Amino acid sequence: MNLASKISPNKNFSFWSILILSIINGIWVIYNSWTMDMKYSGKVIFAAIVFTVLVIELTTALIMGSATSLEDKY
């Protein structure tokens, strides 16, 4: 994300594009993980919950990384 922010023509454009793409990707991955055609047992539900938390953390990290590169002064 830092590289994408540096090569972007505008810092605000890079922040908003990373923000929107990260949120769309996070929603898409979480939706697909919960709507699979399978029997949901206890272990599968636990794994899906853990996976959902990890995706949310990754999305947050990507957004925070783009926000910090937006604030850098070069």
Protein backbone atom coordinates (compact mmCIF):
# COMPACT_ATOMS: atom_id res chain seq x y z
CA MET A 1 0.00 0.00 0.00
CA ASN A 2 2.90 2.30 0.68
CA LEU A 3 4.23 1.68 -2.83
CA ALA A 4 0.81 2.32 -4.36
CA SER A 5 0.57 5.55 -2.39
CA LYS A 6 3.99 6.69 -3.54
CA ILE A 7 3.47 6.05 -7.25
CA SER A 8 -0.02 7.53 -7.31
CA PRO A 9 -0.34 10.96 -8.93
CA ASN A 10 -2.30 12.30 -5.97
CA LYS A 11 -2.13 11.25 -2.32
CA ASN A 12 -5.85 11.69 -1.73
CA PHE A 13 -6.67 9.57 -4.78
CA SER A 14 -4.43 6.77 -3.55
CA PHE A 15 -5.96 6.88 -0.05
CA TRP A 16 -9.55 6.77 -1.27
CA SER A 17 -8.89 4.10 -3.89
CA ILE A 18 -7.14 1.85 -1.34
CA LEU A 19 -9.91 2.53 1.19
CA ILE A 20 -12.70 1.62 -1.21
CA LEU A 21 -10.95 -1.41 -2.69
CA SER A 22 -10.01 -2.76 0.74
CA ILE A 23 -13.55 -2.47 2.05
CA ILE A 24 -15.05 -4.06 -1.07
CA ASN A 25 -12.51 -6.89 -0.92
CA GLY A 26 -13.15 -7.48 2.79
CA ILE A 27 -16.91 -7.61 2.34
CA TRP A 28 -16.58 -9.91 -0.68
CA VAL A 29 -14.27 -12.37 1.11
CA ILE A 30 -16.40 -12.47 4.27
CA TYR A 31 -19.59 -12.92 2.26
CA ASN A 32 -18.09 -15.77 0.24
CA SER A 33 -16.73 -17.51 3.32
CA TRP A 34 -20.14 -17.54 5.02
CA THR A 35 -22.20 -18.57 1.98
CA MET A 36 -20.33 -21.71 0.93
CA ASP A 37 -22.33 -24.83 0.12
CA MET A 38 -21.35 -27.05 3.03
CA LYS A 39 -22.63 -28.32 6.33
CA TYR A 40 -21.69 -25.90 9.04
CA SER A 41 -20.48 -27.82 12.06
CA GLY A 42 -18.93 -26.32 15.17
CA LYS A 43 -15.37 -26.43 13.82
CA VAL A 44 -16.36 -24.87 10.51
CA ILE A 45 -18.25 -22.06 12.21
CA PHE A 46 -15.31 -21.41 14.53
CA ALA A 47 -12.91 -21.32 11.56
CA ALA A 48 -15.25 -18.95 9.70
CA ILE A 49 -15.39 -16.62 12.71
CA VAL A 50 -11.59 -16.62 13.03
CA PHE A 51 -11.24 -16.03 9.28
CA THR A 52 -13.71 -13.14 9.48
CA VAL A 53 -11.73 -11.51 12.28
CA LEU A 54 -8.49 -11.92 10.33
CA VAL A 55 -10.01 -10.36 7.21
CA ILE A 56 -11.30 -7.41 9.23
CA GLU A 57 -7.85 -6.93 10.77
CA LEU A 58 -6.18 -7.08 7.35
CA THR A 59 -8.63 -4.56 5.91
CA THR A 60 -8.01 -2.25 8.85
CA ALA A 61 -4.24 -2.60 8.46
CA LEU A 62 -4.42 -1.74 4.76
CA ILE A 63 -6.53 1.33 5.46
CA MET A 64 -4.27 2.46 8.30
CA GLY A 65 -1.19 1.95 6.11
CA SER A 66 -2.62 4.10 3.36
CA ALA A 67 -3.65 6.74 5.89
CA THR A 68 -0.16 6.95 7.37
CA SER A 69 1.43 7.26 3.95
CA LEU A 70 -1.05 10.04 3.21
CA GLU A 71 0.32 11.99 6.17
CA ASP A 72 4.00 11.58 5.24
CA LYS A 73 5.80 14.73 4.23
CA TYR A 74 8.40 14.26 1.50
